[in-house]
């Protein structure tokens, strides 16, 4: 996208400097996952049935394109 300056010439917006993923993570305070238990959260699913539905859905979708 370009805009015009006061004298009518096109003006190209400046690009932001590229920042590495590592730098972005450092700025946000993100740490790598060290174990699955780091990701465990209580209350993600309201019931065992909801969890079972999620597992069945995930299982079916992972195998849908194999045939």
PDB file of N, CA and C in Angstrom:
ATOM      1  N   UNK A   1       0.842  -1.170   0.000  1.00  0.00           N
ATOM      2  CA  UNK A   1       0.000   0.000   0.000  1.00  0.00           C
ATOM      3  C   UNK A   1       0.889   1.236   0.000  1.00  0.00           C
ATOM      4  N   UNK A   2       0.551   2.195  -0.837  1.00  0.00           N
ATOM      5  CA  UNK A   2       1.304   3.446  -0.875  1.00  0.00           C
ATOM      6  C   UNK A   2       0.360   4.599  -0.611  1.00  0.00           C
ATOM      7  N   UNK A   3       0.907   5.667  -0.115  1.00  0.00           N
ATOM      8  CA  UNK A   3       0.161   6.903   0.081  1.00  0.00           C
ATOM      9  C   UNK A   3       0.924   8.003  -0.621  1.00  0.00           C
ATOM     10  N   UNK A   4       0.295   9.133  -0.790  1.00  0.00           N
ATOM     11  CA  UNK A   4       0.976  10.247  -1.442  1.00  0.00           C
ATOM     12  C   UNK A   4       1.466  11.234  -0.412  1.00  0.00           C
ATOM     13  N   UNK A   5       2.670  11.768  -0.680  1.00  0.00           N
ATOM     14  CA  UNK A   5       3.201  12.808   0.190  1.00  0.00           C
ATOM     15  C   UNK A   5       2.584  14.141  -0.227  1.00  0.00           C
ATOM     16  N   UNK A   6       2.938  15.205   0.442  1.00  0.00           N
ATOM     17  CA  UNK A   6       2.374  16.526   0.179  1.00  0.00           C
ATOM     18  C   UNK A   6       2.578  16.971  -1.271  1.00  0.00           C
ATOM     19  N   UNK A   7       3.682  16.577  -1.887  1.00  0.00           N
ATOM     20  CA  UNK A   7       3.924  17.006  -3.271  1.00  0.00           C
ATOM     21  C   UNK A   7       3.350  16.039  -4.298  1.00  0.00           C
ATOM     22  N   UNK A   8       2.615  15.005  -3.866  1.00  0.00           N
ATOM     23  CA  UNK A   8       1.947  14.106  -4.790  1.00  0.00           C
ATOM     24  C   UNK A   8       2.752  12.878  -5.186  1.00  0.00           C
ATOM     25  N   UNK A   9       3.974  12.756  -4.719  1.00  0.00           N
ATOM     26  CA  UNK A   9       4.767  11.585  -5.054  1.00  0.00           C
ATOM     27  C   UNK A   9       4.392  10.438  -4.134  1.00  0.00           C
ATOM     28  N   UNK A  10       4.417   9.224  -4.676  1.00  0.00           N
ATOM     29  CA  UNK A  10       4.061   8.077  -3.827  1.00  0.00           C
ATOM     30  C   UNK A  10       5.066   7.884  -2.697  1.00  0.00           C
ATOM     31  N   UNK A  11       4.554   7.513  -1.551  1.00  0.00           N
ATOM     32  CA  UNK A  11       5.400   7.276  -0.397  1.00  0.00           C
ATOM     33  C   UNK A  11       5.165   5.829   0.057  1.00  0.00           C
ATOM     34  N   UNK A  12       6.218   5.078   0.148  1.00  0.00           N
ATOM     35  CA  UNK A  12       6.136   3.676   0.554  1.00  0.00           C
ATOM     36  C   UNK A  12       6.337   3.603   2.069  1.00  0.00           C
ATOM     37  N   UNK A  13       5.459   2.862   2.764  1.00  0.00           N
ATOM     38  CA  UNK A  13       5.619   2.756   4.221  1.00  0.00           C
ATOM     39  C   UNK A  13       6.929   2.060   4.583  1.00  0.00           C
ATOM     40  N   UNK A  14       7.505   2.457   5.702  1.00  0.00           N
ATOM     41  CA  UNK A  14       8.736   1.833   6.187  1.00  0.00           C
ATOM     42  C   UNK A  14       8.455   0.433   6.694  1.00  0.00           C
ATOM     43  N   UNK A  15       9.418  -0.430   6.476  1.00  0.00           N
ATOM     44  CA  UNK A  15       9.306  -1.790   7.015  1.00  0.00           C
ATOM     45  C   UNK A  15       9.888  -1.831   8.409  1.00  0.00           C
ATOM     46  N   UNK A  16       9.258  -2.613   9.253  1.00  0.00           N
ATOM     47  CA  UNK A  16       9.803  -2.814  10.592  1.00  0.00           C
ATOM     48  C   UNK A  16      10.999  -3.757  10.482  1.00  0.00           C
ATOM     49  N   UNK A  17      11.997  -3.568  11.316  1.00  0.00           N
ATOM     50  CA  UNK A  17      13.135  -4.494  11.283  1.00  0.00           C
ATOM     51  C   UNK A  17      12.688  -5.898  11.670  1.00  0.00           C
ATOM     52  N   UNK A  18      13.279  -6.877  11.031  1.00  0.00           N
ATOM     53  CA  UNK A  18      12.938  -8.274  11.353  1.00  0.00           C
ATOM     54  C   UNK A  18      13.500  -8.647  12.714  1.00  0.00           C
ATOM     55  N   UNK A  19      12.682  -9.379  13.457  1.00  0.00           N
ATOM     56  CA  UNK A  19      13.086  -9.837  14.784  1.00  0.00           C
ATOM     57  C   UNK A  19      12.978 -11.357  14.776  1.00  0.00           C
ATOM     58  N   UNK A  20      13.972 -12.028  15.308  1.00  0.00           N
ATOM     59  CA  UNK A  20      13.969 -13.491  15.324  1.00  0.00           C
ATOM     60  C   UNK A  20      12.893 -14.022  16.280  1.00  0.00           C
ATOM     61  N   UNK A  21      12.514 -15.257  16.046  1.00  0.00           N
ATOM     62  CA  UNK A  21      11.546 -15.916  16.924  1.00  0.00           C
ATOM     63  C   UNK A  21      12.096 -15.978  18.345  1.00  0.00           C
ATOM     64  N   UNK A  22      13.391 -16.256  18.446  1.00  0.00           N
ATOM     65  CA  UNK A  22      14.011 -16.337  19.769  1.00  0.00           C
ATOM     66  C   UNK A  22      13.912 -15.000  20.504  1.00  0.00           C
ATOM     67  N   UNK A  23      14.126 -13.908  19.780  1.00  0.00           N
ATOM     68  CA  UNK A  23      14.036 -12.576  20.395  1.00  0.00           C
ATOM     69  C   UNK A  23      12.603 -12.259  20.807  1.00  0.00           C
ATOM     70  N   UNK A  24      11.651 -12.603  19.959  1.00  0.00           N
ATOM     71  CA  UNK A  24      10.239 -12.375  20.310  1.00  0.00           C
ATOM     72  C   UNK A  24       9.870 -13.171  21.562  1.00  0.00           C
ATOM     73  N   UNK A  25      10.319 -14.413  21.635  1.00  0.00           N
ATOM     74  CA  UNK A  25      10.039 -15.242  22.810  1.00  0.00           C
ATOM     75  C   UNK A  25      10.677 -14.643  24.056  1.00  0.00           C
ATOM     76  N   UNK A  26      11.908 -14.164  23.924  1.00  0.00           N
ATOM     77  CA  UNK A  26      12.591 -13.552  25.074  1.00  0.00           C
ATOM     78  C   UNK A  26      11.828 -12.331  25.558  1.00  0.00           C
ATOM     79  N   UNK A  27      11.381 -11.499  24.624  1.00  0.00           N
ATOM     80  CA  UNK A  27      10.634 -10.289  24.999  1.00  0.00           C
ATOM     81  C   UNK A  27       9.334 -10.615  25.725  1.00  0.00           C
ATOM     82  N   UNK A  28       8.696 -11.713  25.317  1.00  0.00           N
ATOM     83  CA  UNK A  28       7.423 -12.107  25.930  1.00  0.00           C
ATOM     84  C   UNK A  28       7.607 -12.968  27.181  1.00  0.00           C
ATOM     85  N   UNK A  29       8.833 -13.366  27.457  1.00  0.00           N
ATOM     86  CA  UNK A  29       9.080 -14.208  28.627  1.00  0.00           C
ATOM     87  C   UNK A  29       8.651 -15.649  28.430  1.00  0.00           C
ATOM     88  N   UNK A  30       8.592 -16.097  27.177  1.00  0.00           N
ATOM     89  CA  UNK A  30       8.165 -17.453  26.865  1.00  0.00           C
ATOM     90  C   UNK A  30       9.316 -18.415  27.128  1.00  0.00           C
ATOM     91  N   UNK A  31       8.994 -19.537  27.760  1.00  0.00           N
ATOM     92  CA  UNK A  31       9.998 -20.562  28.013  1.00  0.00           C
ATOM     93  C   UNK A  31       9.602 -21.824  27.255  1.00  0.00           C
ATOM     94  N   UNK A  32      10.580 -22.660  26.888  1.00  0.00           N
ATOM     95  CA  UNK A  32      10.242 -23.926  26.227  1.00  0.00           C
ATOM     96  C   UNK A  32       9.529 -24.866  27.183  1.00  0.00           C
ATOM     97  N   UNK A  33       8.689 -25.718  26.637  1.00  0.00           N
ATOM     98  CA  UNK A  33       8.015 -26.731  27.446  1.00  0.00           C
ATOM     99  C   UNK A  33       9.043 -27.794  27.786  1.00  0.00           C
ATOM    100  N   UNK A  34       9.209 -28.072  29.060  1.00  0.00           N
ATOM    101  CA  UNK A  34      10.187 -29.063  29.492  1.00  0.00           C
ATOM    102  C   UNK A  34       9.564 -30.424  29.745  1.00  0.00           C
ATOM    103  N   UNK A  35       8.263 -30.448  30.020  1.00  0.00           N
ATOM    104  CA  UNK A  35       7.580 -31.728  30.193  1.00  0.00           C
ATOM    105  C   UNK A  35       6.090 -31.519  29.909  1.00  0.00           C
ATOM    106  N   UNK A  36       5.418 -32.613  29.649  1.00  0.00           N
ATOM    107  CA  UNK A  36       3.982 -32.549  29.380  1.00  0.00           C
ATOM    108  C   UNK A  36       3.234 -31.989  30.584  1.00  0.00           C
ATOM    109  N   UNK A  37       3.717 -32.248  31.762  1.00  0.00           N
ATOM    110  CA  UNK A  37       3.031 -31.757  32.963  1.00  0.00           C
ATOM    111  C   UNK A  37       3.037 -30.227  33.032  1.00  0.00           C
ATOM    112  N   UNK A  38       3.983 -29.570  32.340  1.00  0.00           N
ATOM    113  CA  UNK A  38       3.966 -28.100  32.271  1.00  0.00           C
ATOM    114  C   UNK A  38       2.706 -27.589  31.585  1.00  0.00           C
ATOM    115  N   UNK A  39       2.154 -28.402  30.695  1.00  0.00           N
ATOM    116  CA  UNK A  39       0.991 -27.980  29.917  1.00  0.00           C
ATOM    117  C   UNK A  39      -0.328 -28.408  30.553  1.00  0.00           C
ATOM    118  N   UNK A  40      -0.285 -29.251  31.554  1.00  0.00           N
ATOM    119  CA  UNK A  40      -1.499 -29.773  32.181  1.00  0.00           C
ATOM    120  C   UNK A  40      -2.245 -28.657  32.907  1.00  0.00           C
ATOM    121  N   UNK A  41      -3.539 -28.610  32.688  1.00  0.00           N
ATOM    122  CA  UNK A  41      -4.391 -27.607  33.325  1.00  0.00           C
ATOM    123  C   UNK A  41      -5.667 -28.280  33.818  1.00  0.00           C
ATOM    124  N   UNK A  42      -6.087 -27.948  34.996  1.00  0.00           N
ATOM    125  CA  UNK A  42      -7.355 -28.447  35.526  1.00  0.00           C
ATOM    126  C   UNK A  42      -8.502 -27.684  34.877  1.00  0.00           C
ATOM    127  N   UNK A  43      -9.613 -28.358  34.666  1.00  0.00           N
ATOM    128  CA  UNK A  43     -10.822 -27.689  34.218  1.00  0.00           C
ATOM    129  C   UNK A  43     -10.909 -27.380  32.739  1.00  0.00           C
ATOM    130  N   UNK A  44     -10.056 -27.984  31.927  1.00  0.00           N
ATOM    131  CA  UNK A  44     -10.137 -27.743  30.488  1.00  0.00           C
ATOM    132  C   UNK A  44     -11.425 -28.339  29.937  1.00  0.00           C
ATOM    133  N   UNK A  45     -11.761 -29.538  30.410  1.00  0.00           N
ATOM    134  CA  UNK A  45     -12.997 -30.188  30.008  1.00  0.00           C
ATOM    135  C   UNK A  45     -13.941 -30.210  31.198  1.00  0.00           C
ATOM    136  N   UNK A  46     -15.215 -29.957  30.925  1.00  0.00           N
ATOM    137  CA  UNK A  46     -16.204 -29.903  31.995  1.00  0.00           C
ATOM    138  C   UNK A  46     -16.545 -31.270  32.566  1.00  0.00           C
ATOM    139  N   UNK A  47     -16.358 -32.322  31.751  1.00  0.00           N
ATOM    140  CA  UNK A  47     -16.710 -33.660  32.221  1.00  0.00           C
ATOM    141  C   UNK A  47     -15.844 -34.696  31.508  1.00  0.00           C
ATOM    142  N   UNK A  48     -15.878 -35.928  32.034  1.00  0.00           N
ATOM    143  CA  UNK A  48     -15.169 -37.027  31.385  1.00  0.00           C
ATOM    144  C   UNK A  48     -15.755 -37.294  30.002  1.00  0.00           C
ATOM    145  N   UNK A  49     -17.064 -37.123  29.860  1.00  0.00           N
ATOM    146  CA  UNK A  49     -17.709 -37.344  28.565  1.00  0.00           C
ATOM    147  C   UNK A  49     -17.200 -36.343  27.520  1.00  0.00           C
ATOM    148  N   UNK A  50     -17.034 -35.101  27.926  1.00  0.00           N
ATOM    149  CA  UNK A  50     -16.519 -34.079  27.009  1.00  0.00           C
ATOM    150  C   UNK A  50     -15.087 -34.427  26.586  1.00  0.00           C
ATOM    151  N   UNK A  51     -14.284 -34.892  27.498  1.00  0.00           N
ATOM    152  CA  UNK A  51     -12.927 -35.328  27.181  1.00  0.00           C
ATOM    153  C   UNK A  51     -12.952 -36.498  26.200  1.00  0.00           C
ATOM    154  N   UNK A  52     -13.812 -37.482  26.452  1.00  0.00           N
ATOM    155  CA  UNK A  52     -13.916 -38.637  25.557  1.00  0.00           C
ATOM    156  C   UNK A  52     -14.356 -38.215  24.162  1.00  0.00           C
ATOM    157  N   UNK A  53     -15.288 -37.269  24.059  1.00  0.00           N
ATOM    158  CA  UNK A  53     -15.719 -36.763  22.748  1.00  0.00           C
ATOM    159  C   UNK A  53     -14.557 -36.099  22.018  1.00  0.00           C
ATOM    160  N   UNK A  54     -13.772 -35.334  22.724  1.00  0.00           N
ATOM    161  CA  UNK A  54     -12.613 -34.677  22.128  1.00  0.00           C
ATOM    162  C   UNK A  54     -11.605 -35.704  21.615  1.00  0.00           C
ATOM    163  N   UNK A  55     -11.328 -36.727  22.417  1.00  0.00           N
ATOM    164  CA  UNK A  55     -10.380 -37.766  22.016  1.00  0.00           C
ATOM    165  C   UNK A  55     -10.898 -38.505  20.783  1.00  0.00           C
ATOM    166  N   UNK A  56     -12.178 -38.852  20.767  1.00  0.00           N
ATOM    167  CA  UNK A  56     -12.757 -39.555  19.620  1.00  0.00           C
ATOM    168  C   UNK A  56     -12.702 -38.679  18.362  1.00  0.00           C
ATOM    169  N   UNK A  57     -13.024 -37.410  18.498  1.00  0.00           N
ATOM    170  CA  UNK A  57     -12.975 -36.472  17.369  1.00  0.00           C
ATOM    171  C   UNK A  57     -11.554 -36.362  16.826  1.00  0.00           C
ATOM    172  N   UNK A  58     -10.584 -36.205  17.715  1.00  0.00           N
ATOM    173  CA  UNK A  58      -9.184 -36.087  17.305  1.00  0.00           C
ATOM    174  C   UNK A  58      -8.721 -37.358  16.619  1.00  0.00           C
ATOM    175  N   UNK A  59      -9.039 -38.497  17.178  1.00  0.00           N
ATOM    176  CA  UNK A  59      -8.664 -39.789  16.610  1.00  0.00           C
ATOM    177  C   UNK A  59      -9.240 -39.936  15.202  1.00  0.00           C
ATOM    178  N   UNK A  60     -10.524 -39.634  15.035  1.00  0.00           N
ATOM    179  CA  UNK A  60     -11.183 -39.766  13.727  1.00  0.00           C
ATOM    180  C   UNK A  60     -10.582 -38.818  12.696  1.00  0.00           C
ATOM    181  N   UNK A  61     -10.308 -37.589  13.087  1.00  0.00           N
ATOM    182  CA  UNK A  61      -9.759 -36.625  12.141  1.00  0.00           C
ATOM    183  C   UNK A  61      -8.331 -36.958  11.723  1.00  0.00           C
ATOM    184  N   UNK A  62      -7.563 -37.525  12.602  1.00  0.00           N
ATOM    185  CA  UNK A  62      -6.182 -37.896  12.251  1.00  0.00           C
ATOM    186  C   UNK A  62      -6.163 -39.039  11.251  1.00  0.00           C
ATOM    187  N   UNK A  63      -7.201 -39.858  11.239  1.00  0.00           N
ATOM    188  CA  UNK A  63      -7.234 -40.996  10.351  1.00  0.00           C
ATOM    189  C   UNK A  63      -8.139 -40.777   9.144  1.00  0.00           C
ATOM    190  N   UNK A  64      -8.770 -39.639   9.019  1.00  0.00           N
ATOM    191  CA  UNK A  64      -9.742 -39.385   7.949  1.00  0.00           C
ATOM    192  C   UNK A  64      -9.116 -39.439   6.556  1.00  0.00           C
ATOM    193  N   UNK A  65      -7.903 -38.981   6.403  1.00  0.00           N
ATOM    194  CA  UNK A  65      -7.283 -38.919   5.073  1.00  0.00           C
ATOM    195  C   UNK A  65      -6.381 -40.102   4.781  1.00  0.00           C
ATOM    196  N   UNK A  66      -6.392 -41.107   5.620  1.00  0.00           N
ATOM    197  CA  UNK A  66      -5.503 -42.239   5.410  1.00  0.00           C
ATOM    198  C   UNK A  66      -6.047 -43.242   4.382  1.00  0.00           C
ATOM    199  N   UNK A  67      -7.329 -43.235   4.142  1.00  0.00           N
ATOM    200  CA  UNK A  67      -7.930 -44.204   3.240  1.00  0.00           C
ATOM    201  C   UNK A  67      -7.736 -43.912   1.787  1.00  0.00           C
TER     202      UNK A  67
END
